[in-house]
Amino acid sequence: MTRLLLAPLLLVPLALGVSPAPSDEHAAVEAAVRDYVEALYLVKPERIERSVHPALEKIGLYRPPESGAYRTPGKMTFEQLRELAGAWNKDGREGQDLPYQIQVLDVLDVTASAKLTAKWGVDHMHLAKQGDQWKIVQILWQSPPPAR
């Protein structure tokens, strides 16, 4: 009986025209996010140019470890991000083998969303497909949340 009730629910996405993204699109979104994080980790600003749209809107909530309170949201432009990628880990002070985790949350035909967990915190990203290339157009990030 339960299977009979679930079967129509499984058909709803198909009826609405929603289908799973092809694995190559999922991989392309993941590659764009990887370019972004590795641009910063490996000091390769050219990877920002490859993965981030020039009209980037990046807003961040930074929490200094000593205060515990988040600061007013700060904004960053494409140019500022590219400059940061050329300097953030330039002296290797952050290390060489920095961890990150990418979760591709949704991929449609021309839009996608992803979550990146990196050394600096969590980035929630929106991407748009331009031609055959995925570009990050919006990022909302925050410092790591306080330990519970």
N, C-alpha and C. Protein backbone atom coordinates (compact mmCIF):
# COMPACT_ATOMS: atom_id res chain seq x y z
N MET A 1 0.83 -1.20 0.00
CA MET A 1 0.00 0.00 0.00
C MET A 1 0.87 1.26 0.00
N THR A 2 1.92 1.27 0.83
CA THR A 2 2.79 2.43 0.90
C THR A 2 3.45 2.71 -0.44
N ARG A 3 3.88 1.64 -1.14
CA ARG A 3 4.51 1.82 -2.44
C ARG A 3 3.55 2.46 -3.44
N LEU A 4 2.30 2.12 -3.37
CA LEU A 4 1.32 2.70 -4.28
C LEU A 4 1.13 4.19 -4.02
N LEU A 5 1.23 4.60 -2.77
CA LEU A 5 1.08 6.02 -2.43
C LEU A 5 2.32 6.81 -2.82
N LEU A 6 3.50 6.21 -2.74
CA LEU A 6 4.73 6.91 -3.06
C LEU A 6 4.97 7.04 -4.56
N ALA A 7 4.49 6.09 -5.33
CA ALA A 7 4.75 6.09 -6.76
C ALA A 7 4.33 7.40 -7.44
N PRO A 8 3.12 7.93 -7.19
CA PRO A 8 2.75 9.21 -7.83
C PRO A 8 3.67 10.35 -7.39
N LEU A 9 4.16 10.32 -6.15
CA LEU A 9 5.05 11.38 -5.68
C LEU A 9 6.37 11.36 -6.43
N LEU A 10 6.83 10.21 -6.82
CA LEU A 10 8.07 10.10 -7.56
C LEU A 10 7.94 10.68 -8.96
N LEU A 11 6.72 10.74 -9.48
CA LEU A 11 6.49 11.26 -10.82
C LEU A 11 6.30 12.78 -10.84
N VAL A 12 6.06 13.39 -9.70
CA VAL A 12 5.82 14.84 -9.64
C VAL A 12 6.98 15.63 -10.25
N PRO A 13 8.26 15.37 -9.89
CA PRO A 13 9.32 16.16 -10.51
C PRO A 13 9.34 16.05 -12.03
N LEU A 14 9.06 14.87 -12.56
CA LEU A 14 9.03 14.72 -14.01
C LEU A 14 7.89 15.51 -14.63
N ALA A 15 6.75 15.51 -13.97
CA ALA A 15 5.59 16.25 -14.48
C ALA A 15 5.85 17.75 -14.48
N LEU A 16 6.65 18.23 -13.53
CA LEU A 16 6.97 19.65 -13.45
C LEU A 16 8.11 20.04 -14.36
N GLY A 17 8.71 19.08 -15.03
CA GLY A 17 9.82 19.38 -15.93
C GLY A 17 11.14 19.46 -15.20
N VAL A 18 11.22 19.00 -13.98
CA VAL A 18 12.46 19.02 -13.22
C VAL A 18 13.09 17.65 -13.36
N SER A 19 14.35 17.63 -13.75
CA SER A 19 15.05 16.36 -13.86
C SER A 19 16.42 16.51 -13.24
N PRO A 20 17.00 15.42 -12.82
CA PRO A 20 18.33 15.50 -12.24
C PRO A 20 19.32 16.07 -13.24
N ALA A 21 20.28 16.82 -12.74
CA ALA A 21 21.29 17.39 -13.61
C ALA A 21 22.21 16.30 -14.13
N PRO A 22 22.61 16.40 -15.38
CA PRO A 22 23.59 15.44 -15.87
C PRO A 22 24.86 15.53 -15.04
N SER A 23 25.53 14.42 -14.87
CA SER A 23 26.70 14.40 -14.01
C SER A 23 27.79 15.35 -14.48
N ASP A 24 27.87 15.60 -15.80
CA ASP A 24 28.89 16.53 -16.28
C ASP A 24 28.60 17.96 -15.84
N GLU A 25 27.33 18.35 -15.73
CA GLU A 25 26.99 19.69 -15.25
C GLU A 25 27.31 19.81 -13.76
N HIS A 26 26.98 18.79 -13.01
CA HIS A 26 27.30 18.75 -11.58
C HIS A 26 28.81 18.89 -11.40
N ALA A 27 29.56 18.15 -12.17
CA ALA A 27 31.03 18.20 -12.08
C ALA A 27 31.56 19.57 -12.49
N ALA A 28 30.92 20.21 -13.46
CA ALA A 28 31.36 21.54 -13.90
C ALA A 28 31.11 22.59 -12.82
N VAL A 29 29.98 22.49 -12.12
CA VAL A 29 29.70 23.40 -11.01
C VAL A 29 30.73 23.18 -9.91
N GLU A 30 30.97 21.93 -9.58
CA GLU A 30 31.97 21.61 -8.54
C GLU A 30 33.35 22.14 -8.94
N ALA A 31 33.71 22.05 -10.21
CA ALA A 31 35.00 22.54 -10.69
C ALA A 31 35.12 24.06 -10.52
N ALA A 32 34.03 24.78 -10.77
CA ALA A 32 34.06 26.24 -10.59
C ALA A 32 34.30 26.59 -9.13
N VAL A 33 33.64 25.90 -8.22
CA VAL A 33 33.83 26.16 -6.79
C VAL A 33 35.26 25.78 -6.38
N ARG A 34 35.77 24.67 -6.92
CA ARG A 34 37.14 24.25 -6.61
C ARG A 34 38.14 25.30 -7.10
N ASP A 35 37.92 25.84 -8.30
CA ASP A 35 38.80 26.90 -8.80
C ASP A 35 38.83 28.07 -7.83
N TYR A 36 37.67 28.44 -7.32
CA TYR A 36 37.56 29.56 -6.38
C TYR A 36 38.39 29.31 -5.12
N VAL A 37 38.17 28.18 -4.46
CA VAL A 37 38.85 27.92 -3.20
C VAL A 37 40.35 27.70 -3.41
N GLU A 38 40.70 26.99 -4.46
CA GLU A 38 42.12 26.73 -4.71
C GLU A 38 42.85 27.97 -5.20
N ALA A 39 42.14 28.91 -5.81
CA ALA A 39 42.76 30.19 -6.17
C ALA A 39 43.30 30.88 -4.91
N LEU A 40 42.52 30.82 -3.85
CA LEU A 40 42.94 31.44 -2.59
C LEU A 40 44.00 30.61 -1.88
N TYR A 41 43.78 29.33 -1.77
CA TYR A 41 44.72 28.45 -1.07
C TYR A 41 46.08 28.39 -1.76
N LEU A 42 46.09 28.34 -3.10
CA LEU A 42 47.32 28.12 -3.85
C LEU A 42 47.89 29.39 -4.48
N VAL A 43 47.30 30.55 -4.16
CA VAL A 43 47.76 31.85 -4.66
C VAL A 43 47.75 31.85 -6.19
N LYS A 44 46.57 31.62 -6.76
CA LYS A 44 46.41 31.57 -8.22
C LYS A 44 45.21 32.42 -8.64
N PRO A 45 45.40 33.75 -8.66
CA PRO A 45 44.27 34.64 -8.98
C PRO A 45 43.66 34.39 -10.36
N GLU A 46 44.41 33.78 -11.28
CA GLU A 46 43.84 33.48 -12.60
C GLU A 46 42.68 32.49 -12.50
N ARG A 47 42.64 31.70 -11.44
CA ARG A 47 41.53 30.77 -11.27
C ARG A 47 40.27 31.49 -10.80
N ILE A 48 40.42 32.67 -10.19
CA ILE A 48 39.26 33.51 -9.88
C ILE A 48 38.65 33.99 -11.19
N GLU A 49 39.49 34.44 -12.10
CA GLU A 49 39.00 34.92 -13.39
C GLU A 49 38.25 33.83 -14.15
N ARG A 50 38.68 32.60 -13.99
CA ARG A 50 38.06 31.48 -14.69
C ARG A 50 36.71 31.08 -14.09
N SER A 51 36.54 31.28 -12.77
CA SER A 51 35.38 30.72 -12.08
C SER A 51 34.38 31.73 -11.52
N VAL A 52 34.75 33.00 -11.49
CA VAL A 52 33.91 34.01 -10.85
C VAL A 52 33.49 35.06 -11.87
N HIS A 53 32.23 35.42 -11.85
CA HIS A 53 31.70 36.44 -12.75
C HIS A 53 32.21 37.81 -12.33
N PRO A 54 32.57 38.68 -13.29
CA PRO A 54 33.08 40.02 -12.94
C PRO A 54 32.08 40.87 -12.14
N ALA A 55 30.79 40.55 -12.21
CA ALA A 55 29.78 41.30 -11.44
C ALA A 55 29.51 40.65 -10.08
N LEU A 56 30.48 39.91 -9.57
CA LEU A 56 30.33 39.20 -8.29
C LEU A 56 29.74 40.09 -7.20
N GLU A 57 28.84 39.51 -6.42
CA GLU A 57 28.32 40.13 -5.19
C GLU A 57 28.69 39.18 -4.06
N LYS A 58 29.67 39.59 -3.23
CA LYS A 58 30.09 38.75 -2.11
C LYS A 58 29.88 39.54 -0.82
N ILE A 59 29.12 38.93 0.08
CA ILE A 59 28.83 39.56 1.38
C ILE A 59 29.27 38.58 2.45
N GLY A 60 29.97 39.11 3.47
CA GLY A 60 30.47 38.22 4.51
C GLY A 60 30.20 38.73 5.91
N LEU A 61 30.04 37.78 6.79
CA LEU A 61 29.87 38.06 8.22
C LEU A 61 31.05 37.44 8.95
N TYR A 62 31.97 38.31 9.39
CA TYR A 62 33.20 37.87 10.04
C TYR A 62 33.04 37.94 11.55
N ARG A 63 33.54 36.89 12.22
CA ARG A 63 33.50 36.85 13.68
C ARG A 63 34.93 36.66 14.17
N PRO A 64 35.51 37.72 14.76
CA PRO A 64 36.86 37.55 15.32
C PRO A 64 36.82 36.53 16.45
N PRO A 65 37.79 35.62 16.48
CA PRO A 65 37.78 34.57 17.50
C PRO A 65 37.72 35.09 18.94
N GLU A 66 38.33 36.23 19.17
CA GLU A 66 38.38 36.76 20.54
C GLU A 66 37.09 37.45 20.99
N SER A 67 36.25 37.90 20.04
CA SER A 67 35.07 38.65 20.45
C SER A 67 33.80 37.81 20.52
N GLY A 68 33.65 36.90 19.60
CA GLY A 68 32.44 36.07 19.58
C GLY A 68 31.27 36.72 18.88
N ALA A 69 31.35 38.01 18.57
CA ALA A 69 30.25 38.71 17.90
C ALA A 69 30.59 38.91 16.43
N TYR A 70 29.59 38.72 15.57
CA TYR A 70 29.80 38.93 14.14
C TYR A 70 29.80 40.42 13.85
N ARG A 71 30.65 40.82 12.93
CA ARG A 71 30.71 42.21 12.49
C ARG A 71 29.64 42.47 11.44
N THR A 72 29.36 43.73 11.21
CA THR A 72 28.42 44.14 10.16
C THR A 72 28.86 43.51 8.85
N PRO A 73 27.93 43.05 8.06
CA PRO A 73 28.31 42.41 6.79
C PRO A 73 29.23 43.29 5.95
N GLY A 74 30.29 42.70 5.47
CA GLY A 74 31.22 43.38 4.59
C GLY A 74 31.03 42.90 3.16
N LYS A 75 31.34 43.77 2.21
CA LYS A 75 31.17 43.42 0.80
C LYS A 75 32.53 43.32 0.12
N MET A 76 32.59 42.46 -0.89
CA MET A 76 33.81 42.29 -1.65
C MET A 76 33.45 42.24 -3.13
N THR A 77 34.25 42.90 -3.95
CA THR A 77 34.05 42.91 -5.39
C THR A 77 34.92 41.83 -6.04
N PHE A 78 34.69 41.61 -7.31
CA PHE A 78 35.50 40.69 -8.10
C PHE A 78 36.97 41.10 -8.03
N GLU A 79 37.25 42.38 -8.24
CA GLU A 79 38.63 42.87 -8.21
C GLU A 79 39.29 42.62 -6.86
N GLN A 80 38.56 42.90 -5.78
CA GLN A 80 39.11 42.67 -4.44
C GLN A 80 39.38 41.18 -4.21
N LEU A 81 38.50 40.33 -4.68
CA LEU A 81 38.69 38.89 -4.53
C LEU A 81 39.91 38.43 -5.32
N ARG A 82 40.06 38.92 -6.52
CA ARG A 82 41.22 38.55 -7.33
C ARG A 82 42.52 38.99 -6.66
N GLU A 83 42.53 40.20 -6.11
CA GLU A 83 43.71 40.68 -5.38
C GLU A 83 43.98 39.82 -4.14
N LEU A 84 42.92 39.46 -3.43
CA LEU A 84 43.06 38.62 -2.25
C LEU A 84 43.65 37.26 -2.62
N ALA A 85 43.20 36.69 -3.74
CA ALA A 85 43.72 35.39 -4.17
C ALA A 85 45.22 35.46 -4.47
N GLY A 86 45.71 36.63 -4.84
CA GLY A 86 47.14 36.79 -5.10
C GLY A 86 47.97 37.05 -3.87
N ALA A 87 47.29 37.20 -2.70
CA ALA A 87 48.03 37.57 -1.50
C ALA A 87 47.71 36.76 -0.25
N TRP A 88 46.51 36.19 -0.15
CA TRP A 88 46.03 35.60 1.11
C TRP A 88 46.98 34.56 1.69
N ASN A 89 47.48 33.66 0.88
CA ASN A 89 48.37 32.60 1.37
C ASN A 89 49.75 32.69 0.72
N LYS A 90 50.12 33.90 0.30
CA LYS A 90 51.36 34.08 -0.45
C LYS A 90 52.60 33.62 0.31
N ASP A 91 52.63 33.89 1.60
CA ASP A 91 53.80 33.48 2.39
C ASP A 91 53.65 32.07 2.97
N GLY A 92 52.56 31.39 2.64
CA GLY A 92 52.34 30.03 3.11
C GLY A 92 51.93 29.93 4.57
N ARG A 93 51.59 31.05 5.20
CA ARG A 93 51.27 31.04 6.64
C ARG A 93 50.02 30.22 6.95
N GLU A 94 49.13 30.09 5.97
CA GLU A 94 47.91 29.30 6.18
C GLU A 94 48.16 27.81 5.96
N GLY A 95 49.32 27.48 5.39
CA GLY A 95 49.64 26.09 5.13
C GLY A 95 49.52 25.76 3.65
N GLN A 96 49.92 24.56 3.30
CA GLN A 96 49.89 24.12 1.90
C GLN A 96 48.76 23.12 1.62
N ASP A 97 48.41 22.32 2.60
CA ASP A 97 47.41 21.29 2.40
C ASP A 97 46.15 21.66 3.19
N LEU A 98 45.46 22.67 2.73
CA LEU A 98 44.31 23.18 3.46
C LEU A 98 43.04 22.42 3.09
N PRO A 99 42.24 22.08 4.08
CA PRO A 99 41.04 21.29 3.80
C PRO A 99 39.90 22.15 3.25
N TYR A 100 39.07 21.51 2.47
CA TYR A 100 37.81 22.12 2.04
C TYR A 100 36.85 21.02 1.64
N GLN A 101 35.57 21.39 1.68
CA GLN A 101 34.51 20.46 1.28
C GLN A 101 33.53 21.22 0.41
N ILE A 102 33.20 20.64 -0.74
CA ILE A 102 32.25 21.24 -1.67
C ILE A 102 31.01 20.37 -1.71
N GLN A 103 29.85 21.02 -1.55
CA GLN A 103 28.57 20.35 -1.72
C GLN A 103 27.81 21.09 -2.81
N VAL A 104 27.55 20.42 -3.90
CA VAL A 104 26.70 20.99 -4.94
C VAL A 104 25.27 20.69 -4.51
N LEU A 105 24.50 21.75 -4.27
CA LEU A 105 23.16 21.60 -3.71
C LEU A 105 22.08 21.44 -4.77
N ASP A 106 22.24 22.14 -5.89
CA ASP A 106 21.21 22.11 -6.92
C ASP A 106 21.82 22.56 -8.23
N VAL A 107 21.45 21.90 -9.31
CA VAL A 107 21.90 22.30 -10.64
C VAL A 107 20.70 22.24 -11.57
N LEU A 108 20.36 23.38 -12.16
CA LEU A 108 19.32 23.43 -13.19
C LEU A 108 20.01 23.67 -14.53
N ASP A 109 19.29 24.14 -15.50
CA ASP A 109 19.91 24.33 -16.81
C ASP A 109 20.89 25.50 -16.85
N VAL A 110 20.57 26.61 -16.18
CA VAL A 110 21.48 27.76 -16.21
C VAL A 110 21.78 28.35 -14.83
N THR A 111 21.24 27.77 -13.76
CA THR A 111 21.55 28.23 -12.41
C THR A 111 21.90 27.03 -11.54
N ALA A 112 22.69 27.31 -10.50
CA ALA A 112 23.10 26.26 -9.57
C ALA A 112 23.40 26.90 -8.23
N SER A 113 23.43 26.07 -7.19
CA SER A 113 23.84 26.53 -5.86
C SER A 113 24.78 25.51 -5.25
N ALA A 114 25.71 26.01 -4.44
CA ALA A 114 26.71 25.15 -3.81
C ALA A 114 27.09 25.72 -2.46
N LYS A 115 27.65 24.85 -1.64
CA LYS A 115 28.15 25.24 -0.32
C LYS A 115 29.61 24.81 -0.24
N LEU A 116 30.46 25.73 0.18
CA LEU A 116 31.88 25.46 0.36
C LEU A 116 32.21 25.66 1.83
N THR A 117 32.81 24.66 2.45
CA THR A 117 33.34 24.80 3.80
C THR A 117 34.86 24.83 3.65
N ALA A 118 35.46 25.93 4.10
CA ALA A 118 36.90 26.14 3.93
C ALA A 118 37.51 26.65 5.23
N LYS A 119 38.78 26.94 5.21
CA LYS A 119 39.50 27.41 6.40
C LYS A 119 38.82 28.64 7.01
N TRP A 120 38.35 29.54 6.17
CA TRP A 120 37.80 30.81 6.66
C TRP A 120 36.33 30.72 7.08
N GLY A 121 35.66 29.62 6.79
CA GLY A 121 34.25 29.49 7.17
C GLY A 121 33.44 28.81 6.09
N VAL A 122 32.21 29.26 5.93
CA VAL A 122 31.27 28.64 4.99
C VAL A 122 30.81 29.68 3.97
N ASP A 123 30.91 29.30 2.69
CA ASP A 123 30.44 30.14 1.60
C ASP A 123 29.22 29.47 0.97
N HIS A 124 28.13 30.20 0.89
CA HIS A 124 26.95 29.75 0.16
C HIS A 124 26.98 30.48 -1.18
N MET A 125 26.95 29.74 -2.28
CA MET A 125 27.18 30.32 -3.60
C MET A 125 26.01 30.08 -4.54
N HIS A 126 25.78 31.07 -5.41
CA HIS A 126 24.89 30.93 -6.54
C HIS A 126 25.75 31.06 -7.79
N LEU A 127 25.50 30.19 -8.73
CA LEU A 127 26.26 30.19 -9.98
C LEU A 127 25.31 30.33 -11.15
N ALA A 128 25.83 30.87 -12.26
CA ALA A 128 25.06 30.99 -13.49
C ALA A 128 25.91 30.42 -14.63
N LYS A 129 25.24 29.78 -15.56
CA LYS A 129 25.94 29.21 -16.70
C LYS A 129 25.93 30.23 -17.83
N GLN A 130 27.11 30.52 -18.33
CA GLN A 130 27.26 31.45 -19.45
C GLN A 130 27.94 30.68 -20.58
N GLY A 131 27.20 30.44 -21.64
CA GLY A 131 27.73 29.59 -22.70
C GLY A 131 27.88 28.19 -22.15
N ASP A 132 29.10 27.70 -22.11
CA ASP A 132 29.33 26.37 -21.56
C ASP A 132 30.11 26.42 -20.25
N GLN A 133 30.17 27.60 -19.63
CA GLN A 133 30.98 27.77 -18.41
C GLN A 133 30.14 28.25 -17.23
N TRP A 134 30.35 27.63 -16.07
CA TRP A 134 29.68 28.03 -14.83
C TRP A 134 30.51 29.10 -14.14
N LYS A 135 29.84 30.18 -13.70
CA LYS A 135 30.51 31.28 -13.01
C LYS A 135 29.78 31.57 -11.69
N ILE A 136 30.54 31.83 -10.66
CA ILE A 136 29.98 32.21 -9.36
C ILE A 136 29.56 33.67 -9.44
N VAL A 137 28.29 33.96 -9.15
CA VAL A 137 27.79 35.33 -9.24
C VAL A 137 27.46 35.93 -7.88
N GLN A 138 27.15 35.08 -6.89
CA GLN A 138 26.83 35.57 -5.54
C GLN A 138 27.43 34.64 -4.51
N ILE A 139 27.95 35.25 -3.44
CA ILE A 139 28.47 34.48 -2.31
C ILE A 139 28.01 35.16 -1.03
N LEU A 140 27.44 34.38 -0.13
CA LEU A 140 27.15 34.82 1.22
C LEU A 140 27.98 33.91 2.13
N TRP A 141 28.89 34.51 2.91
CA TRP A 141 29.77 33.68 3.73
C TRP A 141 29.76 34.14 5.17
N GLN A 142 30.19 33.23 6.02
CA GLN A 142 30.37 33.58 7.43
C GLN A 142 31.57 32.84 7.99
N SER A 143 32.14 33.41 9.02
CA SER A 143 33.21 32.73 9.76
C SER A 143 32.67 31.45 10.36
N PRO A 144 33.55 30.53 10.75
CA PRO A 144 33.04 29.32 11.40
C PRO A 144 32.17 29.68 12.61
N PRO A 145 31.06 28.99 12.79
CA PRO A 145 30.23 29.28 13.96
C PRO A 145 30.97 28.92 15.24
N PRO A 146 30.57 29.55 16.35
CA PRO A 146 31.24 29.23 17.62
C PRO A 146 31.04 27.74 17.97
N ALA A 147 32.06 27.19 18.59
CA ALA A 147 31.95 25.79 19.03
C ALA A 147 30.84 25.67 20.06
N ARG A 148 30.12 24.56 19.99
CA ARG A 148 29.01 24.37 20.93
C ARG A 148 29.45 23.50 22.06
